[in-house]
Amino acid sequence: MMKLLMAATASLSLVPLAGCATMRDATPEQRASCERMEQTMGTNTTHDHNEMKGMGMNPMNLSHARCQQILAQ
């Protein structure tokens, strides 16, 4: 049980660093995907109850936020 708790704690400590990896330049494929997303559904992020509770953004809002970054470049 203690090993499981230690592993979970170590994994959670890396979560804040995950956002750092998203600041790299986009590939042409990623940019094209974001342009398609913008044309078909937009890149707005909706309100997110999990984020408001401090549980992080949901995957849809993460991808939309990343596309906002890519399209702003």
PDB file of N, CA and C in Angstrom:
ATOM      1  N   MET A   1       0.828  -1.192   0.000  1.00  0.00           N
ATOM      2  CA  MET A   1       0.000   0.000   0.000  1.00  0.00           C
ATOM      3  C   MET A   1       0.871   1.254   0.000  1.00  0.00           C
ATOM      4  N   MET A   2       1.939   1.233   0.783  1.00  0.00           N
ATOM      5  CA  MET A   2       2.819   2.399   0.865  1.00  0.00           C
ATOM      6  C   MET A   2       3.497   2.661  -0.481  1.00  0.00           C
ATOM      7  N   LYS A   3       3.901   1.587  -1.186  1.00  0.00           N
ATOM      8  CA  LYS A   3       4.532   1.758  -2.498  1.00  0.00           C
ATOM      9  C   LYS A   3       3.553   2.387  -3.484  1.00  0.00           C
ATOM     10  N   LEU A   4       2.301   1.967  -3.420  1.00  0.00           N
ATOM     11  CA  LEU A   4       1.283   2.522  -4.303  1.00  0.00           C
ATOM     12  C   LEU A   4       1.083   4.007  -4.021  1.00  0.00           C
ATOM     13  N   LEU A   5       1.037   4.366  -2.757  1.00  0.00           N
ATOM     14  CA  LEU A   5       0.876   5.763  -2.372  1.00  0.00           C
ATOM     15  C   LEU A   5       2.066   6.599  -2.828  1.00  0.00           C
ATOM     16  N   MET A   6       3.268   6.060  -2.683  1.00  0.00           N
ATOM     17  CA  MET A   6       4.469   6.781  -3.108  1.00  0.00           C
ATOM     18  C   MET A   6       4.478   6.967  -4.625  1.00  0.00           C
ATOM     19  N   ALA A   7       4.075   5.945  -5.359  1.00  0.00           N
ATOM     20  CA  ALA A   7       4.044   6.034  -6.821  1.00  0.00           C
ATOM     21  C   ALA A   7       3.013   7.067  -7.277  1.00  0.00           C
ATOM     22  N   ALA A   8       1.863   7.073  -6.624  1.00  0.00           N
ATOM     23  CA  ALA A   8       0.825   8.043  -6.979  1.00  0.00           C
ATOM     24  C   ALA A   8       1.289   9.461  -6.681  1.00  0.00           C
ATOM     25  N   THR A   9       1.958   9.644  -5.560  1.00  0.00           N
ATOM     26  CA  THR A   9       2.460  10.964  -5.193  1.00  0.00           C
ATOM     27  C   THR A   9       3.512  11.433  -6.187  1.00  0.00           C
ATOM     28  N   ALA A  10       4.401  10.547  -6.588  1.00  0.00           N
ATOM     29  CA  ALA A  10       5.438  10.897  -7.561  1.00  0.00           C
ATOM     30  C   ALA A  10       4.812  11.258  -8.906  1.00  0.00           C
ATOM     31  N   SER A  11       3.794  10.518  -9.313  1.00  0.00           N
ATOM     32  CA  SER A  11       3.125  10.807 -10.582  1.00  0.00           C
ATOM     33  C   SER A  11       2.441  12.164 -10.547  1.00  0.00           C
ATOM     34  N   LEU A  12       1.783  12.462  -9.449  1.00  0.00           N
ATOM     35  CA  LEU A  12       1.075  13.739  -9.336  1.00  0.00           C
ATOM     36  C   LEU A  12       2.028  14.918  -9.287  1.00  0.00           C
ATOM     37  N   SER A  13       3.239  14.693  -8.791  1.00  0.00           N
ATOM     38  CA  SER A  13       4.184  15.804  -8.722  1.00  0.00           C
ATOM     39  C   SER A  13       4.661  16.224 -10.109  1.00  0.00           C
ATOM     40  N   LEU A  14       4.502  15.364 -11.106  1.00  0.00           N
ATOM     41  CA  LEU A  14       4.905  15.695 -12.473  1.00  0.00           C
ATOM     42  C   LEU A  14       3.813  16.410 -13.251  1.00  0.00           C
ATOM     43  N   VAL A  15       2.588  16.386 -12.749  1.00  0.00           N
ATOM     44  CA  VAL A  15       1.466  16.989 -13.466  1.00  0.00           C
ATOM     45  C   VAL A  15       1.690  18.468 -13.770  1.00  0.00           C
ATOM     46  N   PRO A  16       2.167  19.296 -12.828  1.00  0.00           N
ATOM     47  CA  PRO A  16       2.376  20.709 -13.181  1.00  0.00           C
ATOM     48  C   PRO A  16       3.384  20.910 -14.310  1.00  0.00           C
ATOM     49  N   LEU A  17       4.301  19.985 -14.472  1.00  0.00           N
ATOM     50  CA  LEU A  17       5.298  20.101 -15.530  1.00  0.00           C
ATOM     51  C   LEU A  17       4.734  19.751 -16.897  1.00  0.00           C
ATOM     52  N   ALA A  18       3.615  19.053 -16.928  1.00  0.00           N
ATOM     53  CA  ALA A  18       3.036  18.644 -18.207  1.00  0.00           C
ATOM     54  C   ALA A  18       2.659  19.846 -19.055  1.00  0.00           C
ATOM     55  N   GLY A  19       2.235  20.919 -18.444  1.00  0.00           N
ATOM     56  CA  GLY A  19       1.880  22.116 -19.191  1.00  0.00           C
ATOM     57  C   GLY A  19       3.061  22.766 -19.871  1.00  0.00           C
ATOM     58  N   CYS A  20       4.262  22.543 -19.359  1.00  0.00           N
ATOM     59  CA  CYS A  20       5.458  23.140 -19.949  1.00  0.00           C
ATOM     60  C   CYS A  20       5.728  22.582 -21.342  1.00  0.00           C
ATOM     61  N   ALA A  21       5.362  21.350 -21.570  1.00  0.00           N
ATOM     62  CA  ALA A  21       5.656  20.702 -22.844  1.00  0.00           C
ATOM     63  C   ALA A  21       4.784  21.236 -23.970  1.00  0.00           C
ATOM     64  N   THR A  22       3.690  21.905 -23.646  1.00  0.00           N
ATOM     65  CA  THR A  22       2.779  22.357 -24.694  1.00  0.00           C
ATOM     66  C   THR A  22       3.212  23.666 -25.334  1.00  0.00           C
ATOM     67  N   MET A  23       4.273  24.286 -24.883  1.00  0.00           N
ATOM     68  CA  MET A  23       4.681  25.578 -25.411  1.00  0.00           C
ATOM     69  C   MET A  23       5.604  25.464 -26.627  1.00  0.00           C
ATOM     70  N   ARG A  24       5.881  24.268 -27.091  1.00  0.00           N
ATOM     71  CA  ARG A  24       6.757  24.101 -28.251  1.00  0.00           C
ATOM     72  C   ARG A  24       6.035  24.553 -29.519  1.00  0.00           C
ATOM     73  N   ASP A  25       6.796  24.754 -30.577  1.00  0.00           N
ATOM     74  CA  ASP A  25       6.198  25.142 -31.855  1.00  0.00           C
ATOM     75  C   ASP A  25       5.350  23.997 -32.399  1.00  0.00           C
ATOM     76  N   ALA A  26       4.296  24.357 -33.067  1.00  0.00           N
ATOM     77  CA  ALA A  26       3.386  23.361 -33.625  1.00  0.00           C
ATOM     78  C   ALA A  26       3.941  22.800 -34.923  1.00  0.00           C
ATOM     79  N   THR A  27       3.629  21.548 -35.179  1.00  0.00           N
ATOM     80  CA  THR A  27       3.970  20.943 -36.461  1.00  0.00           C
ATOM     81  C   THR A  27       2.948  21.428 -37.495  1.00  0.00           C
ATOM     82  N   PRO A  28       3.265  21.322 -38.775  1.00  0.00           N
ATOM     83  CA  PRO A  28       2.280  21.710 -39.801  1.00  0.00           C
ATOM     84  C   PRO A  28       0.968  20.921 -39.680  1.00  0.00           C
ATOM     85  N   GLU A  29       1.072  19.657 -39.275  1.00  0.00           N
ATOM     86  CA  GLU A  29      -0.132  18.834 -39.113  1.00  0.00           C
ATOM     87  C   GLU A  29      -0.995  19.353 -37.970  1.00  0.00           C
ATOM     88  N   GLN A  30      -0.355  19.743 -36.857  1.00  0.00           N
ATOM     89  CA  GLN A  30      -1.110  20.278 -35.723  1.00  0.00           C
ATOM     90  C   GLN A  30      -1.791  21.587 -36.107  1.00  0.00           C
ATOM     91  N   ARG A  31      -1.073  22.436 -36.816  1.00  0.00           N
ATOM     92  CA  ARG A  31      -1.654  23.721 -37.237  1.00  0.00           C
ATOM     93  C   ARG A  31      -2.850  23.490 -38.159  1.00  0.00           C
ATOM     94  N   ALA A  32      -2.713  22.567 -39.106  1.00  0.00           N
ATOM     95  CA  ALA A  32      -3.819  22.262 -40.023  1.00  0.00           C
ATOM     96  C   ALA A  32      -5.022  21.718 -39.254  1.00  0.00           C
ATOM     97  N   SER A  33      -4.762  20.868 -38.277  1.00  0.00           N
ATOM     98  CA  SER A  33      -5.839  20.322 -37.454  1.00  0.00           C
ATOM     99  C   SER A  33      -6.554  21.431 -36.687  1.00  0.00           C
ATOM    100  N   CYS A  34      -5.788  22.363 -36.145  1.00  0.00           N
ATOM    101  CA  CYS A  34      -6.382  23.480 -35.405  1.00  0.00           C
ATOM    102  C   CYS A  34      -7.179  24.394 -36.326  1.00  0.00           C
ATOM    103  N   GLU A  35      -6.692  24.597 -37.533  1.00  0.00           N
ATOM    104  CA  GLU A  35      -7.437  25.420 -38.492  1.00  0.00           C
ATOM    105  C   GLU A  35      -8.763  24.763 -38.854  1.00  0.00           C
ATOM    106  N   ARG A  36      -8.755  23.423 -39.016  1.00  0.00           N
ATOM    107  CA  ARG A  36     -10.005  22.699 -39.286  1.00  0.00           C
ATOM    108  C   ARG A  36     -10.957  22.822 -38.097  1.00  0.00           C
ATOM    109  N   MET A  37     -10.406  22.682 -36.885  1.00  0.00           N
ATOM    110  CA  MET A  37     -11.233  22.791 -35.682  1.00  0.00           C
ATOM    111  C   MET A  37     -11.860  24.178 -35.596  1.00  0.00           C
ATOM    112  N   GLU A  38     -11.067  25.199 -35.872  1.00  0.00           N
ATOM    113  CA  GLU A  38     -11.561  26.571 -35.794  1.00  0.00           C
ATOM    114  C   GLU A  38     -12.704  26.796 -36.791  1.00  0.00           C
ATOM    115  N   GLN A  39     -12.579  26.213 -37.986  1.00  0.00           N
ATOM    116  CA  GLN A  39     -13.607  26.384 -39.015  1.00  0.00           C
ATOM    117  C   GLN A  39     -14.885  25.620 -38.682  1.00  0.00           C
ATOM    118  N   THR A  40     -14.744  24.435 -38.094  1.00  0.00           N
ATOM    119  CA  THR A  40     -15.918  23.599 -37.869  1.00  0.00           C
ATOM    120  C   THR A  40     -16.618  23.860 -36.545  1.00  0.00           C
ATOM    121  N   MET A  41     -15.865  24.079 -35.477  1.00  0.00           N
ATOM    122  CA  MET A  41     -16.519  24.243 -34.175  1.00  0.00           C
ATOM    123  C   MET A  41     -16.010  25.417 -33.367  1.00  0.00           C
ATOM    124  N   GLY A  42     -14.968  26.060 -33.809  1.00  0.00           N
ATOM    125  CA  GLY A  42     -14.399  27.162 -33.041  1.00  0.00           C
ATOM    126  C   GLY A  42     -13.399  26.644 -32.015  1.00  0.00           C
ATOM    127  N   THR A  43     -12.696  27.560 -31.399  1.00  0.00           N
ATOM    128  CA  THR A  43     -11.683  27.157 -30.415  1.00  0.00           C
ATOM    129  C   THR A  43     -11.992  27.696 -29.024  1.00  0.00           C
ATOM    130  N   ASN A  44     -13.237  28.117 -28.797  1.00  0.00           N
ATOM    131  CA  ASN A  44     -13.601  28.596 -27.465  1.00  0.00           C
ATOM    132  C   ASN A  44     -13.568  27.456 -26.460  1.00  0.00           C
ATOM    133  N   THR A  45     -13.201  27.790 -25.227  1.00  0.00           N
ATOM    134  CA  THR A  45     -13.247  26.805 -24.153  1.00  0.00           C
ATOM    135  C   THR A  45     -14.505  27.065 -23.342  1.00  0.00           C
ATOM    136  N   THR A  46     -15.183  26.005 -22.986  1.00  0.00           N
ATOM    137  CA  THR A  46     -16.408  26.132 -22.196  1.00  0.00           C
ATOM    138  C   THR A  46     -16.063  26.170 -20.715  1.00  0.00           C
ATOM    139  N   HIS A  47     -17.034  26.551 -19.895  1.00  0.00           N
ATOM    140  CA  HIS A  47     -16.761  26.515 -18.458  1.00  0.00           C
ATOM    141  C   HIS A  47     -16.575  25.058 -18.046  1.00  0.00           C
ATOM    142  N   ASP A  48     -15.766  24.840 -17.056  1.00  0.00           N
ATOM    143  CA  ASP A  48     -15.360  23.490 -16.679  1.00  0.00           C
ATOM    144  C   ASP A  48     -15.446  23.356 -15.160  1.00  0.00           C
ATOM    145  N   HIS A  49     -16.401  22.565 -14.705  1.00  0.00           N
ATOM    146  CA  HIS A  49     -16.591  22.407 -13.260  1.00  0.00           C
ATOM    147  C   HIS A  49     -15.386  21.759 -12.593  1.00  0.00           C
ATOM    148  N   ASN A  50     -14.727  20.826 -13.262  1.00  0.00           N
ATOM    149  CA  ASN A  50     -13.534  20.208 -12.674  1.00  0.00           C
ATOM    150  C   ASN A  50     -12.435  21.237 -12.473  1.00  0.00           C
ATOM    151  N   GLU A  51     -12.251  22.125 -13.441  1.00  0.00           N
ATOM    152  CA  GLU A  51     -11.224  23.156 -13.311  1.00  0.00           C
ATOM    153  C   GLU A  51     -11.566  24.096 -12.159  1.00  0.00           C
ATOM    154  N   MET A  52     -12.845  24.433 -12.033  1.00  0.00           N
ATOM    155  CA  MET A  52     -13.259  25.312 -10.940  1.00  0.00           C
ATOM    156  C   MET A  52     -13.004  24.664  -9.581  1.00  0.00           C
ATOM    157  N   LYS A  53     -13.034  23.335  -9.526  1.00  0.00           N
ATOM    158  CA  LYS A  53     -12.781  22.610  -8.280  1.00  0.00           C
ATOM    159  C   LYS A  53     -11.298  22.339  -8.077  1.00  0.00           C
ATOM    160  N   GLY A  54     -10.447  22.846  -8.963  1.00  0.00           N
ATOM    161  CA  GLY A  54      -9.009  22.636  -8.834  1.00  0.00           C
ATOM    162  C   GLY A  54      -8.539  21.285  -9.322  1.00  0.00           C
ATOM    163  N   MET A  55      -9.330  20.626 -10.149  1.00  0.00           N
ATOM    164  CA  MET A  55      -8.987  19.284 -10.627  1.00  0.00           C
ATOM    165  C   MET A  55      -8.360  19.306 -12.017  1.00  0.00           C
ATOM    166  N   GLY A  56      -8.077  20.475 -12.556  1.00  0.00           N
ATOM    167  CA  GLY A  56      -7.464  20.564 -13.879  1.00  0.00           C
ATOM    168  C   GLY A  56      -8.503  20.687 -14.971  1.00  0.00           C
ATOM    169  N   MET A  57      -8.015  21.041 -16.155  1.00  0.00           N
ATOM    170  CA  MET A  57      -8.902  21.222 -17.309  1.00  0.00           C
ATOM    171  C   MET A  57      -9.276  19.879 -17.915  1.00  0.00           C
ATOM    172  N   ASN A  58     -10.462  19.834 -18.544  1.00  0.00           N
ATOM    173  CA  ASN A  58     -10.852  18.602 -19.223  1.00  0.00           C
ATOM    174  C   ASN A  58     -10.123  18.520 -20.566  1.00  0.00           C
ATOM    175  N   PRO A  59     -10.032  17.336 -21.155  1.00  0.00           N
ATOM    176  CA  PRO A  59      -9.259  17.159 -22.393  1.00  0.00           C
ATOM    177  C   PRO A  59      -9.716  18.052 -23.547  1.00  0.00           C
ATOM    178  N   MET A  60     -11.017  18.284 -23.673  1.00  0.00           N
ATOM    179  CA  MET A  60     -11.495  19.141 -24.758  1.00  0.00           C
ATOM    180  C   MET A  60     -10.975  20.562 -24.582  1.00  0.00           C
ATOM    181  N   ASN A  61     -11.069  21.088 -23.381  1.00  0.00           N
ATOM    182  CA  ASN A  61     -10.594  22.449 -23.153  1.00  0.00           C
ATOM    183  C   ASN A  61      -9.082  22.540 -23.309  1.00  0.00           C
ATOM    184  N   LEU A  62      -8.357  21.479 -22.954  1.00  0.00           N
ATOM    185  CA  LEU A  62      -6.905  21.474 -23.161  1.00  0.00           C
ATOM    186  C   LEU A  62      -6.571  21.568 -24.645  1.00  0.00           C
ATOM    187  N   SER A  63      -7.266  20.779 -25.467  1.00  0.00           N
ATOM    188  CA  SER A  63      -6.964  20.803 -26.902  1.00  0.00           C
ATOM    189  C   SER A  63      -7.371  22.138 -27.520  1.00  0.00           C
ATOM    190  N   HIS A  64      -8.475  22.711 -27.068  1.00  0.00           N
ATOM    191  CA  HIS A  64      -8.889  24.012 -27.595  1.00  0.00           C
ATOM    192  C   HIS A  64      -7.912  25.104 -27.167  1.00  0.00           C
ATOM    193  N   ALA A  65      -7.443  25.051 -25.923  1.00  0.00           N
ATOM    194  CA  ALA A  65      -6.472  26.043 -25.448  1.00  0.00           C
ATOM    195  C   ALA A  65      -5.168  25.922 -26.228  1.00  0.00           C
ATOM    196  N   ARG A  66      -4.745  24.692 -26.510  1.00  0.00           N
ATOM    197  CA  ARG A  66      -3.522  24.488 -27.292  1.00  0.00           C
ATOM    198  C   ARG A  66      -3.703  25.042 -28.704  1.00  0.00           C
ATOM    199  N   CYS A  67      -4.861  24.829 -29.296  1.00  0.00           N
ATOM    200  CA  CYS A  67      -5.104  25.375 -30.636  1.00  0.00           C
ATOM    201  C   CYS A  67      -5.116  26.898 -30.613  1.00  0.00           C
ATOM    202  N   GLN A  68      -5.624  27.488 -29.558  1.00  0.00           N
ATOM    203  CA  GLN A  68      -5.579  28.946 -29.447  1.00  0.00           C
ATOM    204  C   GLN A  68      -4.129  29.424 -29.455  1.00  0.00           C
ATOM    205  N   GLN A  69      -3.251  28.700 -28.743  1.00  0.00           N
ATOM    206  CA  GLN A  69      -1.819  29.046 -28.723  1.00  0.00           C
ATOM    207  C   GLN A  69      -1.211  28.902 -30.116  1.00  0.00           C
ATOM    208  N   ILE A  70      -1.511  27.797 -30.779  1.00  0.00           N
ATOM    209  CA  ILE A  70      -0.938  27.519 -32.102  1.00  0.00           C
ATOM    210  C   ILE A  70      -1.379  28.572 -33.109  1.00  0.00           C
ATOM    211  N   LEU A  71      -2.655  28.898 -33.118  1.00  0.00           N
ATOM    212  CA  LEU A  71      -3.172  29.851 -34.097  1.00  0.00           C
ATOM    213  C   LEU A  71      -2.708  31.275 -33.813  1.00  0.00           C
ATOM    214  N   ALA A  72      -2.302  31.551 -32.595  1.00  0.00           N
ATOM    215  CA  ALA A  72      -1.796  32.883 -32.248  1.00  0.00           C
ATOM    216  C   ALA A  72      -0.344  33.072 -32.684  1.00  0.00           C
ATOM    217  N   GLN A  73       0.348  31.991 -33.008  1.00  0.00           N
ATOM    218  CA  GLN A  73       1.765  32.076 -33.403  1.00  0.00           C
ATOM    219  C   GLN A  73       1.919  32.681 -34.776  1.00  0.00           C
TER     220      GLN A  73
END
